[in-house]
Structure formats: C-alpha cells, structure tokens
C-alpha atoms as a PDB file:
ATOM      1  CA  MET A   1    -139.354  23.981-136.667  1.00  0.00           C
ATOM      2  CA  SER A   2    -142.232  24.115-139.482  1.00  0.00           C
ATOM      3  CA  GLN A   3    -140.721  24.415-142.759  1.00  0.00           C
ATOM      4  CA  HIS A   4    -140.811  28.185-143.621  1.00  0.00           C
ATOM      5  CA  GLN A   5    -143.668  29.215-145.470  1.00  0.00           C
ATOM      6  CA  SER A   6    -143.411  31.073-148.982  1.00  0.00           C
ATOM      7  CA  ILE A   7    -145.338  34.594-148.713  1.00  0.00           C
ATOM      8  CA  ASN A   8    -147.362  33.027-151.933  1.00  0.00           C
ATOM      9  CA  ASP A   9    -148.062  29.762-150.225  1.00  0.00           C
ATOM     10  CA  ILE A  10    -149.307  32.087-147.089  1.00  0.00           C
ATOM     11  CA  GLN A  11    -151.559  33.566-149.868  1.00  0.00           C
ATOM     12  CA  ASP A  12    -153.050  30.779-150.970  1.00  0.00           C
ATOM     13  CA  GLU A  13    -154.054  29.828-147.562  1.00  0.00           C
ATOM     14  CA  ILE A  14    -155.955  33.115-146.634  1.00  0.00           C
ATOM     15  CA  ILE A  15    -157.756  32.471-149.870  1.00  0.00           C
ATOM     16  CA  ASP A  16    -158.442  29.142-148.900  1.00  0.00           C
ATOM     17  CA  GLU A  17    -159.783  30.101-145.710  1.00  0.00           C
ATOM     18  CA  PHE A  18    -161.718  33.388-147.153  1.00  0.00           C
ATOM     19  CA  SER A  19    -163.531  30.947-149.697  1.00  0.00           C
ATOM     20  CA  MET A  20    -164.909  28.790-146.661  1.00  0.00           C
ATOM     21  CA  PHE A  21    -167.200  31.951-146.123  1.00  0.00           C
ATOM     22  CA  ASP A  22    -170.815  32.556-148.017  1.00  0.00           C
ATOM     23  CA  ASP A  23    -170.846  36.910-147.438  1.00  0.00           C
ATOM     24  CA  TRP A  24    -168.972  39.598-146.095  1.00  0.00           C
ATOM     25  CA  MET A  25    -170.469  39.741-143.002  1.00  0.00           C
ATOM     26  CA  GLN A  26    -169.212  36.080-141.919  1.00  0.00           C
ATOM     27  CA  ARG A  27    -165.532  37.376-143.778  1.00  0.00           C
ATOM     28  CA  TYR A  28    -165.659  40.293-141.634  1.00  0.00           C
ATOM     29  CA  GLU A  29    -166.214  38.963-138.801  1.00  0.00           C
ATOM     30  CA  TYR A  30    -163.596  36.228-139.424  1.00  0.00           C
ATOM     31  CA  MET A  31    -161.075  39.482-140.024  1.00  0.00           C
ATOM     32  CA  ILE A  32    -162.424  40.430-136.765  1.00  0.00           C
ATOM     33  CA  GLU A  33    -160.984  37.570-135.210  1.00  0.00           C
ATOM     34  CA  LEU A  34    -157.518  37.626-136.860  1.00  0.00           C
ATOM     35  CA  GLY A  35    -157.139  40.771-135.510  1.00  0.00           C
ATOM     36  CA  LYS A  36    -157.234  39.272-131.633  1.00  0.00           C
ATOM     37  CA  SER A  37    -154.658  36.829-132.516  1.00  0.00           C
ATOM     38  CA  LEU A  38    -152.961  40.032-133.457  1.00  0.00           C
ATOM     39  CA  GLN A  39    -148.902  40.442-132.397  1.00  0.00           C
ATOM     40  CA  LEU A  40    -149.031  43.429-130.300  1.00  0.00           C
ATOM     41  CA  ILE A  41    -147.127  46.437-130.824  1.00  0.00           C
ATOM     42  CA  ASP A  42    -145.157  47.296-127.543  1.00  0.00           C
ATOM     43  CA  GLU A  43    -146.549  50.573-125.975  1.00  0.00           C
ATOM     44  CA  GLN A  44    -143.300  52.126-126.730  1.00  0.00           C
ATOM     45  CA  TYR A  45    -144.334  52.164-130.555  1.00  0.00           C
ATOM     46  CA  LYS A  46    -147.398  53.496-130.455  1.00  0.00           C
ATOM     47  CA  THR A  47    -146.171  57.240-131.094  1.00  0.00           C
ATOM     48  CA  ASP A  48    -146.731  59.083-134.386  1.00  0.00           C
ATOM     49  CA  GLU A  49    -142.818  58.101-135.209  1.00  0.00           C
ATOM     50  CA  TYR A  50    -145.211  54.248-136.112  1.00  0.00           C
ATOM     51  CA  THR A  51    -148.068  55.470-137.050  1.00  0.00           C
ATOM     52  CA  ILE A  52    -149.406  54.510-140.676  1.00  0.00           C
ATOM     53  CA  LYS A  53    -149.969  57.916-142.084  1.00  0.00           C
ATOM     54  CA  GLY A  54    -153.456  57.868-144.880  1.00  0.00           C
ATOM     55  CA  CYS A  55    -155.233  55.237-142.366  1.00  0.00           C
ATOM     56  CA  GLN A  56    -158.289  57.127-141.588  1.00  0.00           C
ATOM     57  CA  SER A  57    -158.466  54.511-138.078  1.00  0.00           C
ATOM     58  CA  LYS A  58    -155.105  55.082-136.072  1.00  0.00           C
ATOM     59  CA  VAL A  59    -152.923  51.889-137.068  1.00  0.00           C
ATOM     60  CA  TRP A  60    -148.696  50.845-135.583  1.00  0.00           C
ATOM     61  CA  VAL A  61    -146.700  48.775-137.711  1.00  0.00           C
ATOM     62  CA  PHE A  62    -143.215  47.948-135.902  1.00  0.00           C
ATOM     63  CA  ALA A  63    -140.608  45.725-137.228  1.00  0.00           C
ATOM     64  CA  GLU A  64    -137.009  44.468-136.284  1.00  0.00           C
ATOM     65  CA  LEU A  65    -134.884  42.106-138.083  1.00  0.00           C
ATOM     66  CA  LYS A  66    -134.313  38.928-136.614  1.00  0.00           C
ATOM     67  CA  ASP A  67    -131.894  36.272-138.626  1.00  0.00           C
ATOM     68  CA  ASN A  68    -132.427  38.189-141.560  1.00  0.00           C
ATOM     69  CA  THR A  69    -136.318  38.135-141.507  1.00  0.00           C
ATOM     70  CA  ILE A  70    -138.791  41.486-140.410  1.00  0.00           C
ATOM     71  CA  GLU A  71    -140.358  40.423-137.863  1.00  0.00           C
ATOM     72  CA  PHE A  72    -143.106  42.475-138.182  1.00  0.00           C
ATOM     73  CA  THR A  73    -145.605  43.870-134.722  1.00  0.00           C
ATOM     74  CA  ALA A  74    -148.645  46.032-134.968  1.00  0.00           C
ATOM     75  CA  ASP A  75    -151.758  47.655-133.638  1.00  0.00           C
ATOM     76  CA  SER A  76    -154.805  49.660-134.701  1.00  0.00           C
ATOM     77  CA  ASP A  77    -157.797  51.326-132.381  1.00  0.00           C
ATOM     78  CA  ALA A  78    -160.267  49.843-134.595  1.00  0.00           C
ATOM     79  CA  ILE A  79    -161.523  46.504-134.996  1.00  0.00           C
ATOM     80  CA  ILE A  80    -161.380  45.917-138.889  1.00  0.00           C
ATOM     81  CA  THR A  81    -158.461  47.666-139.290  1.00  0.00           C
ATOM     82  CA  LYS A  82    -156.749  45.587-136.742  1.00  0.00           C
ATOM     83  CA  GLY A  83    -158.030  41.936-139.153  1.00  0.00           C
ATOM     84  CA  ILE A  84    -156.438  43.559-142.261  1.00  0.00           C
ATOM     85  CA  ILE A  85    -153.241  44.530-140.826  1.00  0.00           C
ATOM     86  CA  ALA A  86    -153.667  40.957-139.215  1.00  0.00           C
ATOM     87  CA  LEU A  87    -154.285  39.160-141.973  1.00  0.00           C
ATOM     88  CA  LEU A  88    -150.667  41.703-144.282  1.00  0.00           C
ATOM     89  CA  LEU A  89    -148.540  40.508-141.031  1.00  0.00           C
ATOM     90  CA  ARG A  90    -149.026  36.810-141.403  1.00  0.00           C
ATOM     91  CA  VAL A  91    -148.261  37.365-145.127  1.00  0.00           C
ATOM     92  CA  PHE A  92    -144.605  39.687-144.760  1.00  0.00           C
ATOM     93  CA  SER A  93    -143.929  38.949-140.659  1.00  0.00           C
ATOM     94  CA  GLY A  94    -140.940  36.112-140.967  1.00  0.00           C
ATOM     95  CA  GLN A  95    -139.652  36.987-143.895  1.00  0.00           C
ATOM     96  CA  HIS A  96    -137.053  37.914-146.255  1.00  0.00           C
ATOM     97  CA  PRO A  97    -136.845  41.906-146.773  1.00  0.00           C
ATOM     98  CA  LYS A  98    -136.213  40.752-150.441  1.00  0.00           C
ATOM     99  CA  ASP A  99    -138.708  38.197-150.824  1.00  0.00           C
ATOM    100  CA  ILE A 100    -141.146  41.286-149.279  1.00  0.00           C
ATOM    101  CA  LEU A 101    -139.874  43.587-151.613  1.00  0.00           C
ATOM    102  CA  ASP A 102    -140.479  41.320-154.789  1.00  0.00           C
ATOM    103  CA  ALA A 103    -143.807  39.168-153.823  1.00  0.00           C
ATOM    104  CA  GLU A 104    -146.768  40.618-155.522  1.00  0.00           C
ATOM    105  CA  LEU A 105    -149.972  40.392-152.659  1.00  0.00           C
ATOM    106  CA  TYR A 106    -153.007  38.662-155.201  1.00  0.00           C
ATOM    107  CA  PHE A 107    -154.601  37.583-152.165  1.00  0.00           C
ATOM    108  CA  ILE A 108    -155.735  41.243-151.389  1.00  0.00           C
ATOM    109  CA  ASP A 109    -157.806  40.968-154.890  1.00  0.00           C
ATOM    110  CA  GLN A 110    -158.584  37.730-154.692  1.00  0.00           C
ATOM    111  CA  ILE A 111    -160.721  37.671-151.427  1.00  0.00           C
ATOM    112  CA  GLY A 112    -162.040  40.895-152.788  1.00  0.00           C
ATOM    113  CA  LEU A 113    -160.960  42.058-149.582  1.00  0.00           C
ATOM    114  CA  LYS A 114    -160.633  45.936-151.913  1.00  0.00           C
ATOM    115  CA  GLU A 115    -163.538  46.330-152.831  1.00  0.00           C
ATOM    116  CA  HIS A 116    -165.753  45.926-149.576  1.00  0.00           C
ATOM    117  CA  LEU A 117    -163.320  48.117-148.039  1.00  0.00           C
ATOM    118  CA  SER A 118    -164.686  52.269-147.906  1.00  0.00           C
ATOM    119  CA  PRO A 119    -161.845  54.254-149.933  1.00  0.00           C
ATOM    120  CA  THR A 120    -160.369  55.756-146.804  1.00  0.00           C
ATOM    121  CA  ARG A 121    -159.863  52.290-145.392  1.00  0.00           C
ATOM    122  CA  ALA A 122    -158.440  50.502-149.360  1.00  0.00           C
ATOM    123  CA  ASN A 123    -156.076  53.912-148.749  1.00  0.00           C
ATOM    124  CA  GLY A 124    -155.108  52.802-145.763  1.00  0.00           C
ATOM    125  CA  LEU A 125    -154.988  49.277-147.079  1.00  0.00           C
ATOM    126  CA  VAL A 126    -152.416  50.604-149.402  1.00  0.00           C
ATOM    127  CA  SER A 127    -150.790  53.080-146.645  1.00  0.00           C
ATOM    128  CA  MET A 128    -149.976  49.675-144.775  1.00  0.00           C
ATOM    129  CA  ILE A 129    -148.392  47.988-147.584  1.00  0.00           C
ATOM    130  CA  LYS A 130    -146.417  50.926-148.491  1.00  0.00           C
ATOM    131  CA  GLN A 131    -144.672  51.173-145.163  1.00  0.00           C
ATOM    132  CA  ILE A 132    -144.514  47.216-144.828  1.00  0.00           C
ATOM    133  CA  ARG A 133    -142.099  47.019-147.800  1.00  0.00           C
ATOM    134  CA  LEU A 134    -140.507  50.664-146.705  1.00  0.00           C
ATOM    135  CA  TYR A 135    -139.383  48.692-143.617  1.00  0.00           C
ATOM    136  CA  ALA A 136    -138.258  45.871-146.083  1.00  0.00           C
ATOM    137  CA  VAL A 137    -135.762  48.138-148.410  1.00  0.00           C
ATOM    138  CA  ALA A 138    -134.292  49.749-144.732  1.00  0.00           C
ATOM    139  CA  TYR A 139    -133.781  46.237-143.789  1.00  0.00           C
ATOM    140  CA  GLN A 140    -132.422  45.144-147.157  1.00  0.00           C
ATOM    141  CA  THR A 141    -130.042  47.645-147.964  1.00  0.00           C
ATOM    142  CA  GLN A 142    -128.701  47.001-143.639  1.00  0.00           C
ATOM    143  CA  ILE A 143    -128.026  43.068-144.842  1.00  0.00           C
ATOM    144  CA  GLU A 144    -126.579  44.210-148.118  1.00  0.00           C
ATOM    145  CA  GLU A 145    -123.647  46.250-146.495  1.00  0.00           C
END
C-alpha cells in the first residue's frame, strides 16, 4: 500500500513534471495525455446534475465518499478540459474532505496554467475547483454527523 500523498506533495510533483517542458505546446500535449488516463465517470452520471456550470465545454464530475476520503471521477467532451480536470482529480481524489477544503492550490499558478487558458477555460477551471470543494463541504458534514 503506497503511503498516502498529501495534496501539497502531489502539487509539487505536478510542478516538477511541468518544469520539464520548454514550451506550452508540450505542456498542452502532456495535459491531453493526462486526460486520457482520467478515471472516467460512469455513464449514468453524465447528466445535468453532475455537469459543471460555467464551463464552455461539457464537464461532468461525480464524487463518492470511501473510507472518509472522496473519490472523484469525471469526463469532458474537450481534450484540454479533460486534461485540466485530470490534474485537479489527481490532486483531490482520495483525499479527506477537510484536507480538500483547507488546501491552498498553488500548482495552477506555478505551472502558469491560468494565464495560458482562454478566459472561458479559466472560468471553467474556477468552476471545477468550486464544485470539488462543494462536494467536500457536503461530505465533511456527513462525516461529522
């Protein structure tokens, strides 16, 4: 059993990986590759209820609580968006709700992601993070009850 990685450890890993690329074309290609490895959402959750509002492309995110950690699955109809959500899920999936809520997301700025996204994609990114945190709030309450 691999030792549980903290959110910051994972963020640091991502920053290291992205620093290996010289330009954004390579980084985009890497994100597209990451998107292909995304743990896909079950077809039954590809509904409006699980759609992230505020994204120009369709993005679905589903979360379930397993052993006090949240497992996320997702999908998108756009390859770059799929890569973005793959990065977010890599950071957040398998983490405790409280850790998700307390996390300071610094990898996005460090790898320069936001400034290389179109404004609508950047808004979508913010919406995805918001939705992930909303799931964490909901599940945190369940654990505390």
